[in-house]
Amino acid sequence: MEMKAAFQIDRRDNVATALAALEPGTVSLRGDASGACRVVEPIPAGHKLALRDIPEGADIVKYGVRIGVATRDIPAGHWVHLHVMRSAYDERSSHLDVNTGAPKDTKYE
């Protein structure tokens, strides 16, 4: 059975994208870097994995560019998504549900 993988787009990236749903364990790292990385919690397919410790306030780097900012410390191997970061491009991202992407700041009466 082939090892599940994550894809690092650029060597400067501190996150990789899960190519399939990942469970804790070792996954292969593909893309601009090769090797393996450790996953410590479930990560949905298409979501980001921290490749190294990312301190609160530090940039989240993907595509070799800053895409967001960590809102708390993110240890290596953890899921990087709206619950631990805010987008550098979309102010509303901090108001979206982590799993569904639905806005949490809108009330319908």
PDB file of N, CA and C in Angstrom:
ATOM      1  N   MET A   1       0.847  -1.186   0.000  1.00  0.00           N
ATOM      2  CA  MET A   1       0.000   0.000   0.000  1.00  0.00           C
ATOM      3  C   MET A   1       0.888   1.244   0.000  1.00  0.00           C
ATOM      4  N   GLU A   2       0.562   2.225  -0.842  1.00  0.00           N
ATOM      5  CA  GLU A   2       1.342   3.449  -0.942  1.00  0.00           C
ATOM      6  C   GLU A   2       1.084   4.350   0.264  1.00  0.00           C
ATOM      7  N   MET A   3       2.156   4.972   0.752  1.00  0.00           N
ATOM      8  CA  MET A   3       2.035   5.889   1.876  1.00  0.00           C
ATOM      9  C   MET A   3       1.268   7.133   1.442  1.00  0.00           C
ATOM     10  N   LYS A   4       0.378   7.625   2.298  1.00  0.00           N
ATOM     11  CA  LYS A   4      -0.346   8.865   2.003  1.00  0.00           C
ATOM     12  C   LYS A   4       0.666  10.003   1.915  1.00  0.00           C
ATOM     13  N   ALA A   5       0.274  11.081   1.247  1.00  0.00           N
ATOM     14  CA  ALA A   5       1.239  12.146   0.971  1.00  0.00           C
ATOM     15  C   ALA A   5       0.655  13.531   1.187  1.00  0.00           C
ATOM     16  N   ALA A   6       1.578  14.460   1.380  1.00  0.00           N
ATOM     17  CA  ALA A   6       1.265  15.887   1.417  1.00  0.00           C
ATOM     18  C   ALA A   6       2.186  16.559   0.404  1.00  0.00           C
ATOM     19  N   PHE A   7       1.751  17.695  -0.130  1.00  0.00           N
ATOM     20  CA  PHE A   7       2.476  18.366  -1.201  1.00  0.00           C
ATOM     21  C   PHE A   7       2.952  19.741  -0.736  1.00  0.00           C
ATOM     22  N   GLN A   8       4.266  19.947  -0.751  1.00  0.00           N
ATOM     23  CA  GLN A   8       4.854  21.250  -0.445  1.00  0.00           C
ATOM     24  C   GLN A   8       5.122  21.943  -1.780  1.00  0.00           C
ATOM     25  N   ILE A   9       4.462  23.070  -2.005  1.00  0.00           N
ATOM     26  CA  ILE A   9       4.529  23.744  -3.296  1.00  0.00           C
ATOM     27  C   ILE A   9       5.875  24.429  -3.515  1.00  0.00           C
ATOM     28  N   ASP A  10       6.409  25.062  -2.481  1.00  0.00           N
ATOM     29  CA  ASP A  10       7.644  25.843  -2.578  1.00  0.00           C
ATOM     30  C   ASP A  10       8.499  25.553  -1.341  1.00  0.00           C
ATOM     31  N   ARG A  11       9.792  25.521  -1.488  1.00  0.00           N
ATOM     32  CA  ARG A  11      10.685  25.236  -0.348  1.00  0.00           C
ATOM     33  C   ARG A  11      10.514  26.215   0.806  1.00  0.00           C
ATOM     34  N   ARG A  12      10.045  27.429   0.513  1.00  0.00           N
ATOM     35  CA  ARG A  12       9.850  28.425   1.576  1.00  0.00           C
ATOM     36  C   ARG A  12       8.576  28.174   2.384  1.00  0.00           C
ATOM     37  N   ASP A  13       7.704  27.294   1.900  1.00  0.00           N
ATOM     38  CA  ASP A  13       6.426  27.030   2.575  1.00  0.00           C
ATOM     39  C   ASP A  13       6.642  26.390   3.943  1.00  0.00           C
ATOM     40  N   ASN A  14       5.842  26.828   4.920  1.00  0.00           N
ATOM     41  CA  ASN A  14       5.868  26.163   6.227  1.00  0.00           C
ATOM     42  C   ASN A  14       4.641  25.278   6.411  1.00  0.00           C
ATOM     43  N   VAL A  15       3.874  25.102   5.324  1.00  0.00           N
ATOM     44  CA  VAL A  15       2.747  24.176   5.301  1.00  0.00           C
ATOM     45  C   VAL A  15       2.796  23.355   4.020  1.00  0.00           C
ATOM     46  N   ALA A  16       2.165  22.181   4.081  1.00  0.00           N
ATOM     47  CA  ALA A  16       1.979  21.342   2.901  1.00  0.00           C
ATOM     48  C   ALA A  16       0.496  21.017   2.821  1.00  0.00           C
ATOM     49  N   THR A  17       0.027  20.644   1.648  1.00  0.00           N
ATOM     50  CA  THR A  17      -1.381  20.324   1.433  1.00  0.00           C
ATOM     51  C   THR A  17      -1.574  18.809   1.433  1.00  0.00           C
ATOM     52  N   ALA A  18      -2.537  18.339   2.231  1.00  0.00           N
ATOM     53  CA  ALA A  18      -2.849  16.908   2.295  1.00  0.00           C
ATOM     54  C   ALA A  18      -3.459  16.469   0.965  1.00  0.00           C
ATOM     55  N   LEU A  19      -2.870  15.477   0.313  1.00  0.00           N
ATOM     56  CA  LEU A  19      -3.384  14.981  -0.959  1.00  0.00           C
ATOM     57  C   LEU A  19      -4.531  13.992  -0.763  1.00  0.00           C
ATOM     58  N   ALA A  20      -4.706  13.523   0.456  1.00  0.00           N
ATOM     59  CA  ALA A  20      -5.818  12.654   0.860  1.00  0.00           C
ATOM     60  C   ALA A  20      -6.015  12.915   2.346  1.00  0.00           C
ATOM     61  N   ALA A  21      -7.120  12.458   2.897  1.00  0.00           N
ATOM     62  CA  ALA A  21      -7.319  12.602   4.346  1.00  0.00           C
ATOM     63  C   ALA A  21      -6.163  11.907   5.057  1.00  0.00           C
ATOM     64  N   LEU A  22      -5.554  12.604   6.013  1.00  0.00           N
ATOM     65  CA  LEU A  22      -4.391  12.070   6.724  1.00  0.00           C
ATOM     66  C   LEU A  22      -4.746  11.736   8.164  1.00  0.00           C
ATOM     67  N   GLU A  23      -4.206  10.631   8.634  1.00  0.00           N
ATOM     68  CA  GLU A  23      -4.329  10.219  10.029  1.00  0.00           C
ATOM     69  C   GLU A  23      -2.947  10.322  10.663  1.00  0.00           C
ATOM     70  N   PRO A  24      -2.871  10.352  12.004  1.00  0.00           N
ATOM     71  CA  PRO A  24      -1.560  10.431  12.653  1.00  0.00           C
ATOM     72  C   PRO A  24      -0.614   9.335  12.166  1.00  0.00           C
ATOM     73  N   GLY A  25       0.618   9.727  11.960  1.00  0.00           N
ATOM     74  CA  GLY A  25       1.645   8.813  11.467  1.00  0.00           C
ATOM     75  C   GLY A  25       2.581   9.553  10.534  1.00  0.00           C
ATOM     76  N   THR A  26       3.314   8.809   9.746  1.00  0.00           N
ATOM     77  CA  THR A  26       4.275   9.382   8.808  1.00  0.00           C
ATOM     78  C   THR A  26       3.673   9.411   7.414  1.00  0.00           C
ATOM     79  N   VAL A  27       3.841  10.547   6.734  1.00  0.00           N
ATOM     80  CA  VAL A  27       3.380  10.683   5.352  1.00  0.00           C
ATOM     81  C   VAL A  27       4.548  11.132   4.488  1.00  0.00           C
ATOM     82  N   SER A  28       4.496  10.778   3.215  1.00  0.00           N
ATOM     83  CA  SER A  28       5.557  11.229   2.316  1.00  0.00           C
ATOM     84  C   SER A  28       5.301  12.676   1.931  1.00  0.00           C
ATOM     85  N   LEU A  29       6.374  13.398   1.727  1.00  0.00           N
ATOM     86  CA  LEU A  29       6.306  14.804   1.333  1.00  0.00           C
ATOM     87  C   LEU A  29       6.740  14.892  -0.117  1.00  0.00           C
ATOM     88  N   ARG A  30       5.882  15.479  -0.939  1.00  0.00           N
ATOM     89  CA  ARG A  30       6.152  15.613  -2.367  1.00  0.00           C
ATOM     90  C   ARG A  30       6.200  17.083  -2.740  1.00  0.00           C
ATOM     91  N   GLY A  31       6.606  17.349  -3.961  1.00  0.00           N
ATOM     92  CA  GLY A  31       6.640  18.718  -4.447  1.00  0.00           C
ATOM     93  C   GLY A  31       8.042  19.254  -4.490  1.00  0.00           C
ATOM     94  N   ASP A  32       8.201  20.504  -4.038  1.00  0.00           N
ATOM     95  CA  ASP A  32       9.500  21.169  -4.113  1.00  0.00           C
ATOM     96  C   ASP A  32      10.508  20.547  -3.157  1.00  0.00           C
ATOM     97  N   ALA A  33      10.026  19.803  -2.187  1.00  0.00           N
ATOM     98  CA  ALA A  33      10.912  19.079  -1.270  1.00  0.00           C
ATOM     99  C   ALA A  33      10.437  17.633  -1.259  1.00  0.00           C
ATOM    100  N   SER A  34      11.308  16.747  -0.891  1.00  0.00           N
ATOM    101  CA  SER A  34      10.891  15.351  -0.788  1.00  0.00           C
ATOM    102  C   SER A  34      11.335  14.820   0.556  1.00  0.00           C
ATOM    103  N   GLY A  35      10.766  13.716   0.942  1.00  0.00           N
ATOM    104  CA  GLY A  35      11.085  13.113   2.220  1.00  0.00           C
ATOM    105  C   GLY A  35       9.810  12.670   2.898  1.00  0.00           C
ATOM    106  N   ALA A  36       9.779  12.823   4.210  1.00  0.00           N
ATOM    107  CA  ALA A  36       8.611  12.418   4.978  1.00  0.00           C
ATOM    108  C   ALA A  36       8.358  13.451   6.059  1.00  0.00           C
ATOM    109  N   CYS A  37       7.134  13.481   6.551  1.00  0.00           N
ATOM    110  CA  CYS A  37       6.799  14.356   7.660  1.00  0.00           C
ATOM    111  C   CYS A  37       5.818  13.630   8.568  1.00  0.00           C
ATOM    112  N   ARG A  38       5.747  14.096   9.780  1.00  0.00           N
ATOM    113  CA  ARG A  38       4.896  13.474  10.789  1.00  0.00           C
ATOM    114  C   ARG A  38       3.574  14.226  10.901  1.00  0.00           C
ATOM    115  N   VAL A  39       2.493  13.484  10.970  1.00  0.00           N
ATOM    116  CA  VAL A  39       1.158  14.034  11.193  1.00  0.00           C
ATOM    117  C   VAL A  39       0.741  13.610  12.591  1.00  0.00           C
ATOM    118  N   VAL A  40       0.239  14.556  13.401  1.00  0.00           N
ATOM    119  CA  VAL A  40      -0.115  14.214  14.784  1.00  0.00           C
ATOM    120  C   VAL A  40      -1.611  14.273  15.069  1.00  0.00           C
ATOM    121  N   GLU A  41      -2.397  14.721  14.092  1.00  0.00           N
ATOM    122  CA  GLU A  41      -3.851  14.735  14.262  1.00  0.00           C
ATOM    123  C   GLU A  41      -4.483  14.561  12.884  1.00  0.00           C
ATOM    124  N   PRO A  42      -5.736  14.116  12.819  1.00  0.00           N
ATOM    125  CA  PRO A  42      -6.376  13.969  11.508  1.00  0.00           C
ATOM    126  C   PRO A  42      -6.414  15.293  10.748  1.00  0.00           C
ATOM    127  N   ILE A  43      -6.140  15.217   9.448  1.00  0.00           N
ATOM    128  CA  ILE A  43      -6.156  16.396   8.580  1.00  0.00           C
ATOM    129  C   ILE A  43      -6.979  16.052   7.340  1.00  0.00           C
ATOM    130  N   PRO A  44      -8.043  16.816   7.072  1.00  0.00           N
ATOM    131  CA  PRO A  44      -8.873  16.522   5.899  1.00  0.00           C
ATOM    132  C   PRO A  44      -8.103  16.710   4.589  1.00  0.00           C
ATOM    133  N   ALA A  45      -8.513  15.977   3.580  1.00  0.00           N
ATOM    134  CA  ALA A  45      -7.921  16.117   2.242  1.00  0.00           C
ATOM    135  C   ALA A  45      -8.042  17.565   1.774  1.00  0.00           C
ATOM    136  N   GLY A  46      -6.965  18.076   1.194  1.00  0.00           N
ATOM    137  CA  GLY A  46      -6.965  19.434   0.674  1.00  0.00           C
ATOM    138  C   GLY A  46      -6.636  20.502   1.704  1.00  0.00           C
ATOM    139  N   HIS A  47      -6.497  20.111   2.957  1.00  0.00           N
ATOM    140  CA  HIS A  47      -6.181  21.078   4.008  1.00  0.00           C
ATOM    141  C   HIS A  47      -4.685  21.104   4.277  1.00  0.00           C
ATOM    142  N   LYS A  48      -4.251  22.056   5.083  1.00  0.00           N
ATOM    143  CA  LYS A  48      -2.831  22.289   5.303  1.00  0.00           C
ATOM    144  C   LYS A  48      -2.304  21.579   6.547  1.00  0.00           C
ATOM    145  N   LEU A  49      -1.048  21.169   6.466  1.00  0.00           N
ATOM    146  CA  LEU A  49      -0.293  20.502   7.514  1.00  0.00           C
ATOM    147  C   LEU A  49       0.912  21.372   7.846  1.00  0.00           C
ATOM    148  N   ALA A  50       1.127  21.668   9.129  1.00  0.00           N
ATOM    149  CA  ALA A  50       2.312  22.444   9.525  1.00  0.00           C
ATOM    150  C   ALA A  50       3.559  21.578   9.379  1.00  0.00           C
ATOM    151  N   LEU A  51       4.522  22.059   8.601  1.00  0.00           N
ATOM    152  CA  LEU A  51       5.761  21.319   8.383  1.00  0.00           C
ATOM    153  C   LEU A  51       6.778  21.552   9.493  1.00  0.00           C
ATOM    154  N   ARG A  52       6.617  22.637  10.213  1.00  0.00           N
ATOM    155  CA  ARG A  52       7.484  22.957  11.358  1.00  0.00           C
ATOM    156  C   ARG A  52       6.650  23.791  12.330  1.00  0.00           C
ATOM    157  N   ASP A  53       7.163  24.006  13.507  1.00  0.00           N
ATOM    158  CA  ASP A  53       6.454  24.831  14.481  1.00  0.00           C
ATOM    159  C   ASP A  53       6.251  26.230  13.907  1.00  0.00           C
ATOM    160  N   ILE A  54       5.027  26.735  14.049  1.00  0.00           N
ATOM    161  CA  ILE A  54       4.695  28.081  13.585  1.00  0.00           C
ATOM    162  C   ILE A  54       4.185  28.850  14.800  1.00  0.00           C
ATOM    163  N   PRO A  55       4.946  29.817  15.293  1.00  0.00           N
ATOM    164  CA  PRO A  55       4.506  30.547  16.482  1.00  0.00           C
ATOM    165  C   PRO A  55       3.344  31.501  16.211  1.00  0.00           C
ATOM    166  N   GLU A  56       2.572  31.786  17.241  1.00  0.00           N
ATOM    167  CA  GLU A  56       1.482  32.757  17.127  1.00  0.00           C
ATOM    168  C   GLU A  56       2.021  34.059  16.558  1.00  0.00           C
ATOM    169  N   GLY A  57       1.297  34.627  15.593  1.00  0.00           N
ATOM    170  CA  GLY A  57       1.702  35.881  14.963  1.00  0.00           C
ATOM    171  C   GLY A  57       2.605  35.702  13.758  1.00  0.00           C
ATOM    172  N   ALA A  58       3.113  34.488  13.542  1.00  0.00           N
ATOM    173  CA  ALA A  58       4.001  34.238  12.400  1.00  0.00           C
ATOM    174  C   ALA A  58       3.190  34.053  11.128  1.00  0.00           C
ATOM    175  N   ASP A  59       3.829  34.301  10.004  1.00  0.00           N
ATOM    176  CA  ASP A  59       3.192  34.124   8.707  1.00  0.00           C
ATOM    177  C   ASP A  59       2.977  32.645   8.401  1.00  0.00           C
ATOM    178  N   ILE A  60       1.855  32.356   7.757  1.00  0.00           N
ATOM    179  CA  ILE A  60       1.611  31.050   7.146  1.00  0.00           C
ATOM    180  C   ILE A  60       2.030  31.235   5.691  1.00  0.00           C
ATOM    181  N   VAL A  61       2.973  30.404   5.230  1.00  0.00           N
ATOM    182  CA  VAL A  61       3.543  30.569   3.895  1.00  0.00           C
ATOM    183  C   VAL A  61       3.200  29.354   3.034  1.00  0.00           C
ATOM    184  N   LYS A  62       2.539  29.631   1.908  1.00  0.00           N
ATOM    185  CA  LYS A  62       2.185  28.618   0.913  1.00  0.00           C
ATOM    186  C   LYS A  62       2.392  29.274  -0.452  1.00  0.00           C
ATOM    187  N   TYR A  63       2.801  28.517  -1.437  1.00  0.00           N
ATOM    188  CA  TYR A  63       3.154  29.057  -2.774  1.00  0.00           C
ATOM    189  C   TYR A  63       4.371  29.979  -2.682  1.00  0.00           C
ATOM    190  N   GLY A  64       5.105  29.916  -1.572  1.00  0.00           N
ATOM    191  CA  GLY A  64       6.247  30.799  -1.372  1.00  0.00           C
ATOM    192  C   GLY A  64       5.848  32.204  -0.956  1.00  0.00           C
ATOM    193  N   VAL A  65       4.558  32.420  -0.663  1.00  0.00           N
ATOM    194  CA  VAL A  65       4.073  33.737  -0.251  1.00  0.00           C
ATOM    195  C   VAL A  65       3.236  33.628   1.022  1.00  0.00           C
ATOM    196  N   ARG A  66       3.107  34.736   1.695  1.00  0.00           N
ATOM    197  CA  ARG A  66       2.310  34.810   2.926  1.00  0.00           C
ATOM    198  C   ARG A  66       0.831  34.726   2.566  1.00  0.00           C
ATOM    199  N   ILE A  67       0.145  33.713   3.123  1.00  0.00           N
ATOM    200  CA  ILE A  67      -1.293  33.592   2.876  1.00  0.00           C
ATOM    201  C   ILE A  67      -2.107  33.894   4.122  1.00  0.00           C
ATOM    202  N   GLY A  68      -1.456  33.939   5.272  1.00  0.00           N
ATOM    203  CA  GLY A  68      -2.174  34.188   6.512  1.00  0.00           C
ATOM    204  C   GLY A  68      -1.235  34.356   7.678  1.00  0.00           C
ATOM    205  N   VAL A  69      -1.848  34.450   8.872  1.00  0.00           N
ATOM    206  CA  VAL A  69      -1.105  34.643  10.114  1.00  0.00           C
ATOM    207  C   VAL A  69      -1.626  33.658  11.150  1.00  0.00           C
ATOM    208  N   ALA A  70      -0.725  33.028  11.879  1.00  0.00           N
ATOM    209  CA  ALA A  70      -1.117  32.102  12.944  1.00  0.00           C
ATOM    210  C   ALA A  70      -1.761  32.877  14.088  1.00  0.00           C
ATOM    211  N   THR A  71      -2.924  32.429  14.539  1.00  0.00           N
ATOM    212  CA  THR A  71      -3.613  33.089  15.648  1.00  0.00           C
ATOM    213  C   THR A  71      -3.272  32.435  16.983  1.00  0.00           C
ATOM    214  N   ARG A  72      -2.513  31.351  16.923  1.00  0.00           N
ATOM    215  CA  ARG A  72      -1.959  30.705  18.121  1.00  0.00           C
ATOM    216  C   ARG A  72      -0.794  29.845  17.669  1.00  0.00           C
ATOM    217  N   ASP A  73      -0.009  29.358  18.611  1.00  0.00           N
ATOM    218  CA  ASP A  73       1.106  28.481  18.259  1.00  0.00           C
ATOM    219  C   ASP A  73       0.572  27.236  17.554  1.00  0.00           C
ATOM    220  N   ILE A  74       1.231  26.858  16.463  1.00  0.00           N
ATOM    221  CA  ILE A  74       0.838  25.668  15.703  1.00  0.00           C
ATOM    222  C   ILE A  74       2.048  24.728  15.680  1.00  0.00           C
ATOM    223  N   PRO A  75       1.994  23.628  16.428  1.00  0.00           N
ATOM    224  CA  PRO A  75       3.123  22.693  16.405  1.00  0.00           C
ATOM    225  C   PRO A  75       3.222  21.959  15.072  1.00  0.00           C
ATOM    226  N   ALA A  76       4.427  21.563  14.715  1.00  0.00           N
ATOM    227  CA  ALA A  76       4.645  20.772  13.498  1.00  0.00           C
ATOM    228  C   ALA A  76       3.754  19.539  13.526  1.00  0.00           C
ATOM    229  N   GLY A  77       3.203  19.193  12.361  1.00  0.00           N
ATOM    230  CA  GLY A  77       2.366  18.009  12.247  1.00  0.00           C
ATOM    231  C   GLY A  77       0.896  18.245  12.496  1.00  0.00           C
ATOM    232  N   HIS A  78       0.531  19.487  12.845  1.00  0.00           N
ATOM    233  CA  HIS A  78      -0.864  19.799  13.142  1.00  0.00           C
ATOM    234  C   HIS A  78      -1.587  20.383  11.939  1.00  0.00           C
ATOM    235  N   TRP A  79      -2.909  20.301  12.000  1.00  0.00           N
ATOM    236  CA  TRP A  79      -3.821  20.837  10.996  1.00  0.00           C
ATOM    237  C   TRP A  79      -3.768  22.362  11.042  1.00  0.00           C
ATOM    238  N   VAL A  80      -3.578  22.992   9.898  1.00  0.00           N
ATOM    239  CA  VAL A  80      -3.550  24.450   9.788  1.00  0.00           C
ATOM    240  C   VAL A  80      -4.784  24.865   8.990  1.00  0.00           C
ATOM    241  N   HIS A  81      -5.721  25.510   9.688  1.00  0.00           N
ATOM    242  CA  HIS A  81      -6.965  25.929   9.045  1.00  0.00           C
ATOM    243  C   HIS A  81      -7.510  27.126   9.815  1.00  0.00           C
ATOM    244  N   LEU A  82      -8.727  27.496   9.579  1.00  0.00           N
ATOM    245  CA  LEU A  82      -9.308  28.717  10.142  1.00  0.00           C
ATOM    246  C   LEU A  82      -9.342  28.750  11.669  1.00  0.00           C
ATOM    247  N   HIS A  83      -9.237  27.621  12.328  1.00  0.00           N
ATOM    248  CA  HIS A  83      -9.271  27.597  13.787  1.00  0.00           C
ATOM    249  C   HIS A  83      -7.935  28.014  14.410  1.00  0.00           C
ATOM    250  N   VAL A  84      -6.859  28.093  13.609  1.00  0.00           N
ATOM    251  CA  VAL A  84      -5.537  28.470  14.130  1.00  0.00           C
ATOM    252  C   VAL A  84      -4.857  29.551  13.298  1.00  0.00           C
ATOM    253  N   MET A  85      -5.568  30.102  12.336  1.00  0.00           N
ATOM    254  CA  MET A  85      -4.979  31.140  11.481  1.00  0.00           C
ATOM    255  C   MET A  85      -6.071  32.066  10.975  1.00  0.00           C
ATOM    256  N   ARG A  86      -5.648  33.223  10.483  1.00  0.00           N
ATOM    257  CA  ARG A  86      -6.568  34.103   9.773  1.00  0.00           C
ATOM    258  C   ARG A  86      -5.949  34.392   8.422  1.00  0.00           C
ATOM    259  N   SER A  87      -6.803  34.557   7.459  1.00  0.00           N
ATOM    260  CA  SER A  87      -6.361  34.788   6.096  1.00  0.00           C
ATOM    261  C   SER A  87      -5.740  36.174   5.956  1.00  0.00           C
ATOM    262  N   ALA A  88      -4.745  36.276   5.107  1.00  0.00           N
ATOM    263  CA  ALA A  88      -4.155  37.573   4.781  1.00  0.00           C
ATOM    264  C   ALA A  88      -4.965  38.253   3.675  1.00  0.00           C
ATOM    265  N   TYR A  89      -5.937  37.551   3.104  1.00  0.00           N
ATOM    266  CA  TYR A  89      -6.679  38.061   1.960  1.00  0.00           C
ATOM    267  C   TYR A  89      -8.161  38.271   2.211  1.00  0.00           C
ATOM    268  N   ASP A  90      -8.717  37.591   3.211  1.00  0.00           N
ATOM    269  CA  ASP A  90     -10.162  37.619   3.419  1.00  0.00           C
ATOM    270  C   ASP A  90     -10.462  37.854   4.895  1.00  0.00           C
ATOM    271  N   GLU A  91     -10.869  39.066   5.236  1.00  0.00           N
ATOM    272  CA  GLU A  91     -11.168  39.417   6.626  1.00  0.00           C
ATOM    273  C   GLU A  91     -12.256  38.536   7.230  1.00  0.00           C
ATOM    274  N   ARG A  92     -13.196  38.079   6.423  1.00  0.00           N
ATOM    275  CA  ARG A  92     -14.296  37.266   6.953  1.00  0.00           C
ATOM    276  C   ARG A  92     -13.866  35.858   7.305  1.00  0.00           C
ATOM    277  N   SER A  93     -12.674  35.433   6.937  1.00  0.00           N
ATOM    278  CA  SER A  93     -12.280  34.046   7.165  1.00  0.00           C
ATOM    279  C   SER A  93     -12.359  33.649   8.632  1.00  0.00           C
ATOM    280  N   SER A  94     -12.180  34.587   9.537  1.00  0.00           N
ATOM    281  CA  SER A  94     -12.236  34.250  10.965  1.00  0.00           C
ATOM    282  C   SER A  94     -13.667  34.046  11.438  1.00  0.00           C
ATOM    283  N   HIS A  95     -14.651  34.308  10.584  1.00  0.00           N
ATOM    284  CA  HIS A  95     -16.057  34.135  10.939  1.00  0.00           C
ATOM    285  C   HIS A  95     -16.695  32.934  10.238  1.00  0.00           C
ATOM    286  N   LEU A  96     -15.881  32.084   9.623  1.00  0.00           N
ATOM    287  CA  LEU A  96     -16.413  30.931   8.905  1.00  0.00           C
ATOM    288  C   LEU A  96     -16.275  29.670   9.742  1.00  0.00           C
ATOM    289  N   ASP A  97     -17.252  28.775   9.622  1.00  0.00           N
ATOM    290  CA  ASP A  97     -17.194  27.489  10.308  1.00  0.00           C
ATOM    291  C   ASP A  97     -16.012  26.688   9.778  1.00  0.00           C
ATOM    292  N   VAL A  98     -15.247  26.094  10.671  1.00  0.00           N
ATOM    293  CA  VAL A  98     -14.037  25.375  10.292  1.00  0.00           C
ATOM    294  C   VAL A  98     -14.331  24.209   9.356  1.00  0.00           C
ATOM    295  N   ASN A  99     -15.413  23.497   9.591  1.00  0.00           N
ATOM    296  CA  ASN A  99     -15.697  22.300   8.794  1.00  0.00           C
ATOM    297  C   ASN A  99     -16.518  22.569   7.545  1.00  0.00           C
ATOM    298  N   THR A 100     -17.487  23.471   7.628  1.00  0.00           N
ATOM    299  CA  THR A 100     -18.386  23.679   6.494  1.00  0.00           C
ATOM    300  C   THR A 100     -18.057  24.911   5.660  1.00  0.00           C
ATOM    301  N   GLY A 101     -17.339  25.886   6.257  1.00  0.00           N
ATOM    302  CA  GLY A 101     -17.052  27.132   5.562  1.00  0.00           C
ATOM    303  C   GLY A 101     -18.213  28.105   5.596  1.00  0.00           C
ATOM    304  N   ALA A 102     -19.304  27.742   6.264  1.00  0.00           N
ATOM    305  CA  ALA A 102     -20.474  28.616   6.352  1.00  0.00           C
ATOM    306  C   ALA A 102     -20.189  29.785   7.288  1.00  0.00           C
ATOM    307  N   PRO A 103     -20.703  30.973   6.971  1.00  0.00           N
ATOM    308  CA  PRO A 103     -20.481  32.124   7.845  1.00  0.00           C
ATOM    309  C   PRO A 103     -21.165  31.941   9.195  1.00  0.00           C
ATOM    310  N   LYS A 104     -20.452  32.276  10.261  1.00  0.00           N
ATOM    311  CA  LYS A 104     -21.018  32.199  11.615  1.00  0.00           C
ATOM    312  C   LYS A 104     -21.455  33.572  12.103  1.00  0.00           C
ATOM    313  N   ASP A 105     -21.190  34.615  11.340  1.00  0.00           N
ATOM    314  CA  ASP A 105     -21.502  35.979  11.776  1.00  0.00           C
ATOM    315  C   ASP A 105     -22.790  36.502  11.139  1.00  0.00           C
ATOM    316  N   THR A 106     -23.541  35.640  10.451  1.00  0.00           N
ATOM    317  CA  THR A 106     -24.783  36.036   9.813  1.00  0.00           C
ATOM    318  C   THR A 106     -25.943  35.321  10.499  1.00  0.00           C
ATOM    319  N   LYS A 107     -26.967  36.097  10.875  1.00  0.00           N
ATOM    320  CA  LYS A 107     -28.156  35.516  11.497  1.00  0.00           C
ATOM    321  C   LYS A 107     -29.337  35.707  10.568  1.00  0.00           C
ATOM    322  N   TYR A 108     -30.090  34.652  10.404  1.00  0.00           N
ATOM    323  CA  TYR A 108     -31.290  34.706   9.579  1.00  0.00           C
ATOM    324  C   TYR A 108     -32.498  34.596  10.508  1.00  0.00           C
ATOM    325  N   GLU A 109     -33.431  35.511  10.361  1.00  0.00           N
ATOM    326  CA  GLU A 109     -34.613  35.485  11.232  1.00  0.00           C
ATOM    327  C   GLU A 109     -35.854  35.256  10.440  1.00  0.00           C
TER     328      GLU A 109
END
